[in-house]
């Protein structure tokens, strides 16, 4: 039995580890500062490289560091409601939301692979 949409979750539900997300920040981005179609998914330490750009272009102040026991995720153009992990894949579901951003963390302790593939799907449509 899957989690519903078999395009997103093709394997039985027992093969996925559901992860708790802790939203640190979220909100609208000034529409005059960003293309409404802009979407981006930034993971882990790559977020630190976006600090200056986020401050200058979007007026978003990102933290200087994140807890060692977590992985941070910054999403532009969407919101994430749920995260599940299986093998090499971290599958996030949410919905497209132009002109919006969300910064959250999730626990690192469940990841048993060194290289991971993060993917974000619209929960309603199954679109990546």
N, C-alpha and C. Protein backbone atom coordinates (compact mmCIF):
# COMPACT_ATOMS: atom_id res chain seq x y z
N UNK A 1 0.84 -1.18 0.00
CA UNK A 1 0.00 0.00 0.00
C UNK A 1 0.89 1.24 0.00
N UNK A 2 0.65 2.14 -0.93
CA UNK A 2 1.43 3.36 -1.09
C UNK A 2 0.82 4.49 -0.25
N UNK A 3 1.46 5.66 -0.31
CA UNK A 3 0.96 6.84 0.39
C UNK A 3 -0.13 7.55 -0.40
N UNK A 4 -0.57 7.01 -1.50
CA UNK A 4 -1.60 7.65 -2.31
C UNK A 4 -1.17 7.74 -3.75
N UNK A 5 -0.51 8.83 -4.09
CA UNK A 5 -0.10 9.05 -5.47
C UNK A 5 1.10 8.16 -5.80
N UNK A 6 0.89 7.15 -6.62
CA UNK A 6 1.95 6.20 -6.93
C UNK A 6 3.03 6.78 -7.85
N UNK A 7 2.75 7.92 -8.48
CA UNK A 7 3.78 8.61 -9.24
C UNK A 7 4.84 9.15 -8.29
N UNK A 8 4.38 9.65 -7.14
CA UNK A 8 5.29 10.22 -6.15
C UNK A 8 5.90 9.13 -5.28
N UNK A 9 5.07 8.23 -4.80
CA UNK A 9 5.51 7.17 -3.88
C UNK A 9 5.20 5.80 -4.49
N UNK A 10 6.08 5.29 -5.35
CA UNK A 10 5.79 4.03 -6.05
C UNK A 10 5.98 2.77 -5.20
N UNK A 11 6.59 2.91 -4.02
CA UNK A 11 6.87 1.75 -3.19
C UNK A 11 5.90 1.69 -2.01
N UNK A 12 5.79 0.53 -1.36
CA UNK A 12 4.90 0.42 -0.20
C UNK A 12 5.28 1.43 0.89
N UNK A 13 4.29 1.92 1.60
CA UNK A 13 4.48 2.95 2.62
C UNK A 13 5.51 2.54 3.68
N UNK A 14 5.58 1.26 4.01
CA UNK A 14 6.51 0.81 5.06
C UNK A 14 7.97 0.99 4.66
N UNK A 15 8.26 1.25 3.39
CA UNK A 15 9.64 1.44 2.95
C UNK A 15 10.11 2.89 3.07
N UNK A 16 9.24 3.80 3.48
CA UNK A 16 9.59 5.21 3.61
C UNK A 16 9.70 5.60 5.08
N UNK A 17 10.64 6.50 5.37
CA UNK A 17 10.76 7.07 6.70
C UNK A 17 10.18 8.47 6.64
N UNK A 18 9.05 8.73 7.34
CA UNK A 18 8.51 10.09 7.36
C UNK A 18 9.39 10.97 8.25
N UNK A 19 9.72 12.16 7.78
CA UNK A 19 10.58 13.08 8.52
C UNK A 19 9.78 14.29 8.98
N UNK A 20 10.07 14.73 10.18
CA UNK A 20 9.45 15.93 10.73
C UNK A 20 10.15 17.15 10.15
N UNK A 21 9.36 18.14 9.73
CA UNK A 21 9.97 19.39 9.28
C UNK A 21 9.67 20.47 10.30
N UNK A 22 10.69 21.30 10.53
CA UNK A 22 10.57 22.42 11.45
C UNK A 22 10.76 23.70 10.63
N UNK A 23 9.65 24.37 10.33
CA UNK A 23 9.72 25.59 9.52
C UNK A 23 10.30 26.72 10.36
N UNK A 24 11.41 27.28 9.90
CA UNK A 24 12.07 28.39 10.59
C UNK A 24 11.53 29.73 10.12
N UNK A 25 11.33 29.84 8.82
CA UNK A 25 10.83 31.09 8.22
C UNK A 25 10.02 30.74 6.99
N UNK A 26 9.06 31.59 6.68
CA UNK A 26 8.31 31.47 5.44
C UNK A 26 7.59 32.79 5.19
N UNK A 27 7.29 33.06 3.95
CA UNK A 27 6.56 34.28 3.66
C UNK A 27 6.61 34.67 2.20
N UNK A 28 5.98 35.77 1.93
CA UNK A 28 5.92 36.29 0.56
C UNK A 28 7.21 37.03 0.24
N UNK A 29 7.58 36.98 -1.03
CA UNK A 29 8.71 37.74 -1.55
C UNK A 29 8.13 38.93 -2.30
N UNK A 30 8.73 40.08 -2.13
CA UNK A 30 8.29 41.29 -2.82
C UNK A 30 8.21 41.01 -4.32
N UNK A 31 7.00 41.10 -4.92
CA UNK A 31 6.84 40.75 -6.34
C UNK A 31 7.68 41.59 -7.29
N UNK A 32 8.05 42.80 -6.88
CA UNK A 32 8.88 43.62 -7.76
C UNK A 32 10.33 43.14 -7.76
N UNK A 33 10.68 42.25 -6.82
CA UNK A 33 12.06 41.78 -6.69
C UNK A 33 12.32 40.44 -7.34
N UNK A 34 11.27 39.73 -7.76
CA UNK A 34 11.47 38.38 -8.27
C UNK A 34 10.50 38.07 -9.40
N UNK A 35 10.97 37.31 -10.37
CA UNK A 35 10.11 36.81 -11.44
C UNK A 35 9.10 35.87 -10.80
N UNK A 36 7.81 36.01 -11.10
CA UNK A 36 6.80 35.15 -10.48
C UNK A 36 7.02 33.66 -10.75
N UNK A 37 7.72 33.33 -11.82
CA UNK A 37 7.98 31.92 -12.14
C UNK A 37 9.25 31.38 -11.49
N UNK A 38 9.95 32.22 -10.72
CA UNK A 38 11.20 31.80 -10.08
C UNK A 38 10.92 30.70 -9.07
N UNK A 39 11.61 29.58 -9.22
CA UNK A 39 11.53 28.51 -8.22
C UNK A 39 12.91 27.90 -8.06
N UNK A 40 13.23 27.55 -6.84
CA UNK A 40 14.57 27.03 -6.55
C UNK A 40 14.49 26.18 -5.29
N UNK A 41 15.27 25.13 -5.24
CA UNK A 41 15.38 24.25 -4.09
C UNK A 41 16.85 24.23 -3.69
N UNK A 42 17.16 24.69 -2.47
CA UNK A 42 18.55 24.80 -2.02
C UNK A 42 18.68 23.98 -0.74
N UNK A 43 19.70 23.14 -0.69
CA UNK A 43 19.84 22.17 0.40
C UNK A 43 21.13 22.39 1.18
N UNK A 44 21.05 22.21 2.50
CA UNK A 44 22.22 22.15 3.37
C UNK A 44 23.11 23.37 3.32
N UNK A 45 24.43 23.14 3.25
CA UNK A 45 25.39 24.24 3.29
C UNK A 45 25.31 25.15 2.09
N UNK A 46 24.67 24.72 1.01
CA UNK A 46 24.50 25.60 -0.16
C UNK A 46 23.67 26.84 0.20
N UNK A 47 22.86 26.73 1.24
CA UNK A 47 22.04 27.88 1.67
C UNK A 47 22.93 29.03 2.10
N UNK A 48 24.07 28.71 2.73
CA UNK A 48 24.96 29.77 3.20
C UNK A 48 25.46 30.63 2.05
N UNK A 49 25.63 30.04 0.88
CA UNK A 49 26.04 30.79 -0.30
C UNK A 49 24.95 31.73 -0.81
N UNK A 50 23.73 31.50 -0.38
CA UNK A 50 22.60 32.33 -0.80
C UNK A 50 22.30 33.46 0.19
N UNK A 51 23.02 33.54 1.30
CA UNK A 51 22.70 34.53 2.33
C UNK A 51 22.72 35.96 1.79
N UNK A 52 23.82 36.33 1.13
CA UNK A 52 23.92 37.71 0.64
C UNK A 52 22.89 38.01 -0.43
N UNK A 53 22.72 37.09 -1.38
CA UNK A 53 21.73 37.29 -2.45
C UNK A 53 20.32 37.40 -1.87
N UNK A 54 20.00 36.54 -0.92
CA UNK A 54 18.66 36.58 -0.31
C UNK A 54 18.41 37.90 0.41
N UNK A 55 19.44 38.40 1.08
CA UNK A 55 19.30 39.67 1.78
C UNK A 55 19.15 40.83 0.79
N UNK A 56 20.02 40.87 -0.22
CA UNK A 56 20.02 41.99 -1.16
C UNK A 56 18.83 41.96 -2.11
N UNK A 57 18.54 40.81 -2.67
CA UNK A 57 17.51 40.73 -3.71
C UNK A 57 16.11 40.56 -3.15
N UNK A 58 15.97 39.75 -2.10
CA UNK A 58 14.63 39.40 -1.60
C UNK A 58 14.31 39.99 -0.23
N UNK A 59 15.28 40.65 0.41
CA UNK A 59 15.12 41.17 1.77
C UNK A 59 14.76 40.06 2.76
N UNK A 60 15.40 38.91 2.58
CA UNK A 60 15.21 37.77 3.48
C UNK A 60 16.52 37.56 4.24
N UNK A 61 16.44 37.59 5.55
CA UNK A 61 17.62 37.40 6.39
C UNK A 61 17.71 35.93 6.80
N UNK A 62 18.68 35.22 6.27
CA UNK A 62 18.85 33.79 6.58
C UNK A 62 19.81 33.62 7.75
N UNK A 63 19.63 32.58 8.55
CA UNK A 63 20.54 32.32 9.68
C UNK A 63 21.97 32.07 9.20
N UNK A 64 22.93 32.35 10.07
CA UNK A 64 24.34 32.12 9.73
C UNK A 64 24.71 30.65 9.81
N UNK A 65 24.03 29.90 10.66
CA UNK A 65 24.28 28.47 10.76
C UNK A 65 23.01 27.73 11.15
N UNK A 66 23.08 26.43 11.01
CA UNK A 66 21.95 25.57 11.35
C UNK A 66 22.46 24.49 12.30
N UNK A 67 21.57 23.91 13.11
CA UNK A 67 22.01 22.87 14.04
C UNK A 67 22.69 21.71 13.30
N UNK A 68 23.76 21.17 13.89
CA UNK A 68 24.51 20.07 13.26
C UNK A 68 23.67 18.83 13.05
N UNK A 69 22.67 18.62 13.88
CA UNK A 69 21.85 17.41 13.80
C UNK A 69 20.72 17.52 12.78
N UNK A 70 20.71 18.61 12.02
CA UNK A 70 19.63 18.79 11.04
C UNK A 70 20.18 19.18 9.67
N UNK A 71 19.34 19.03 8.67
CA UNK A 71 19.64 19.50 7.31
C UNK A 71 18.62 20.59 7.00
N UNK A 72 19.13 21.72 6.53
CA UNK A 72 18.26 22.85 6.19
C UNK A 72 17.88 22.78 4.71
N UNK A 73 16.66 23.24 4.42
CA UNK A 73 16.15 23.29 3.05
C UNK A 73 15.51 24.66 2.84
N UNK A 74 15.88 25.32 1.75
CA UNK A 74 15.29 26.60 1.38
C UNK A 74 14.58 26.41 0.05
N UNK A 75 13.30 26.75 0.04
CA UNK A 75 12.47 26.56 -1.16
C UNK A 75 11.92 27.92 -1.59
N UNK A 76 12.11 28.26 -2.86
CA UNK A 76 11.49 29.44 -3.44
C UNK A 76 10.42 28.97 -4.42
N UNK A 77 9.24 29.58 -4.37
CA UNK A 77 8.18 29.27 -5.34
C UNK A 77 7.31 28.09 -4.98
N UNK A 78 7.41 27.61 -3.74
CA UNK A 78 6.59 26.47 -3.32
C UNK A 78 6.59 26.39 -1.80
N UNK A 79 5.68 25.58 -1.28
CA UNK A 79 5.70 25.24 0.14
C UNK A 79 5.80 23.72 0.25
N UNK A 80 6.44 23.27 1.30
CA UNK A 80 6.61 21.84 1.55
C UNK A 80 5.78 21.48 2.78
N UNK A 81 4.95 20.45 2.62
CA UNK A 81 4.09 20.00 3.72
C UNK A 81 4.59 18.71 4.36
N UNK A 82 5.24 17.85 3.57
CA UNK A 82 5.66 16.54 4.09
C UNK A 82 6.95 16.10 3.41
N UNK A 83 7.76 15.34 4.16
CA UNK A 83 9.02 14.81 3.65
C UNK A 83 9.10 13.34 4.04
N UNK A 84 9.50 12.52 3.06
CA UNK A 84 9.69 11.09 3.31
C UNK A 84 11.00 10.66 2.67
N UNK A 85 11.68 9.72 3.33
CA UNK A 85 13.01 9.29 2.90
C UNK A 85 13.01 7.80 2.61
N UNK A 86 13.65 7.44 1.49
CA UNK A 86 13.82 6.03 1.13
C UNK A 86 15.08 5.90 0.29
N UNK A 87 16.04 5.13 0.76
CA UNK A 87 17.27 4.88 0.01
C UNK A 87 18.04 6.15 -0.28
N UNK A 88 18.17 6.48 -1.55
CA UNK A 88 18.89 7.69 -1.95
C UNK A 88 17.97 8.89 -2.14
N UNK A 89 16.67 8.71 -1.95
CA UNK A 89 15.72 9.77 -2.30
C UNK A 89 15.05 10.39 -1.08
N UNK A 90 15.06 11.71 -1.04
CA UNK A 90 14.31 12.49 -0.07
C UNK A 90 13.17 13.13 -0.86
N UNK A 91 11.97 12.62 -0.67
CA UNK A 91 10.82 13.04 -1.46
C UNK A 91 9.98 14.01 -0.64
N UNK A 92 9.83 15.22 -1.18
CA UNK A 92 9.05 16.26 -0.51
C UNK A 92 7.78 16.50 -1.30
N UNK A 93 6.68 16.69 -0.59
CA UNK A 93 5.42 17.04 -1.24
C UNK A 93 4.92 18.35 -0.68
N UNK A 94 4.27 19.10 -1.53
CA UNK A 94 3.72 20.40 -1.14
C UNK A 94 2.90 20.94 -2.27
N UNK A 95 3.04 22.26 -2.47
CA UNK A 95 2.31 22.86 -3.57
C UNK A 95 3.08 24.05 -4.11
N UNK A 96 2.88 24.29 -5.38
CA UNK A 96 3.50 25.45 -6.03
C UNK A 96 2.89 26.71 -5.45
N UNK A 97 3.72 27.70 -5.14
CA UNK A 97 3.24 28.96 -4.59
C UNK A 97 4.19 30.07 -5.06
N UNK A 98 3.94 30.62 -6.25
CA UNK A 98 4.82 31.66 -6.80
C UNK A 98 4.96 32.84 -5.85
N UNK A 99 6.18 33.40 -5.81
CA UNK A 99 6.43 34.57 -4.99
C UNK A 99 6.48 34.27 -3.50
N UNK A 100 6.79 33.04 -3.14
CA UNK A 100 6.78 32.62 -1.74
C UNK A 100 8.08 31.87 -1.44
N UNK A 101 8.49 31.88 -0.17
CA UNK A 101 9.66 31.10 0.22
C UNK A 101 9.39 30.39 1.53
N UNK A 102 10.13 29.31 1.77
CA UNK A 102 10.03 28.56 3.02
C UNK A 102 11.43 28.03 3.36
N UNK A 103 11.83 28.22 4.60
CA UNK A 103 13.09 27.69 5.12
C UNK A 103 12.75 26.74 6.25
N UNK A 104 13.20 25.50 6.15
CA UNK A 104 12.92 24.54 7.21
C UNK A 104 14.10 23.61 7.41
N UNK A 105 14.08 22.91 8.54
CA UNK A 105 15.08 21.90 8.82
C UNK A 105 14.39 20.56 9.02
N UNK A 106 15.16 19.50 8.85
CA UNK A 106 14.68 18.15 9.12
C UNK A 106 15.82 17.38 9.78
N UNK A 107 15.50 16.34 10.55
CA UNK A 107 16.55 15.61 11.26
C UNK A 107 17.49 14.88 10.31
N UNK A 108 18.76 14.95 10.62
CA UNK A 108 19.82 14.33 9.81
C UNK A 108 20.01 12.85 10.16
N UNK A 109 19.65 12.44 11.35
CA UNK A 109 20.00 11.12 11.88
C UNK A 109 19.42 9.94 11.08
N UNK A 110 18.38 10.17 10.30
CA UNK A 110 17.76 9.07 9.55
C UNK A 110 18.47 8.75 8.24
N UNK A 111 19.31 9.64 7.77
CA UNK A 111 19.95 9.45 6.47
C UNK A 111 21.13 8.50 6.60
N UNK A 112 21.03 7.36 5.95
CA UNK A 112 22.09 6.36 6.05
C UNK A 112 22.91 6.27 4.77
N UNK A 113 22.66 7.13 3.80
CA UNK A 113 23.44 7.19 2.56
C UNK A 113 24.21 8.51 2.55
N UNK A 114 25.38 8.51 1.88
CA UNK A 114 26.18 9.73 1.81
C UNK A 114 25.68 10.70 0.75
N UNK A 115 25.20 10.17 -0.37
CA UNK A 115 24.70 11.01 -1.45
C UNK A 115 23.19 10.85 -1.54
N UNK A 116 22.50 11.98 -1.57
CA UNK A 116 21.03 11.96 -1.59
C UNK A 116 20.50 12.76 -2.77
N UNK A 117 19.35 12.37 -3.25
CA UNK A 117 18.65 13.09 -4.30
C UNK A 117 17.38 13.67 -3.69
N UNK A 118 17.27 14.99 -3.68
CA UNK A 118 16.09 15.66 -3.15
C UNK A 118 15.15 15.96 -4.30
N UNK A 119 13.88 15.63 -4.12
CA UNK A 119 12.88 15.90 -5.15
C UNK A 119 11.64 16.49 -4.49
N UNK A 120 11.01 17.42 -5.21
CA UNK A 120 9.83 18.11 -4.70
C UNK A 120 8.69 17.91 -5.70
N UNK A 121 7.56 17.42 -5.20
CA UNK A 121 6.38 17.17 -6.03
C UNK A 121 5.21 18.00 -5.54
N UNK A 122 4.36 18.42 -6.47
CA UNK A 122 3.08 19.00 -6.11
C UNK A 122 2.20 17.84 -5.66
N UNK A 123 1.71 17.89 -4.43
CA UNK A 123 0.95 16.77 -3.87
C UNK A 123 -0.34 16.50 -4.64
N UNK A 124 -0.95 17.54 -5.19
CA UNK A 124 -2.23 17.37 -5.89
C UNK A 124 -2.06 16.81 -7.30
N UNK A 125 -1.03 17.27 -8.01
CA UNK A 125 -0.88 16.90 -9.41
C UNK A 125 0.19 15.83 -9.67
N UNK A 126 1.11 15.67 -8.74
CA UNK A 126 2.22 14.74 -8.95
C UNK A 126 3.32 15.32 -9.80
N UNK A 127 3.20 16.60 -10.17
CA UNK A 127 4.19 17.27 -11.01
C UNK A 127 5.43 17.61 -10.19
N UNK A 128 6.61 17.40 -10.79
CA UNK A 128 7.88 17.77 -10.14
C UNK A 128 8.11 19.24 -10.25
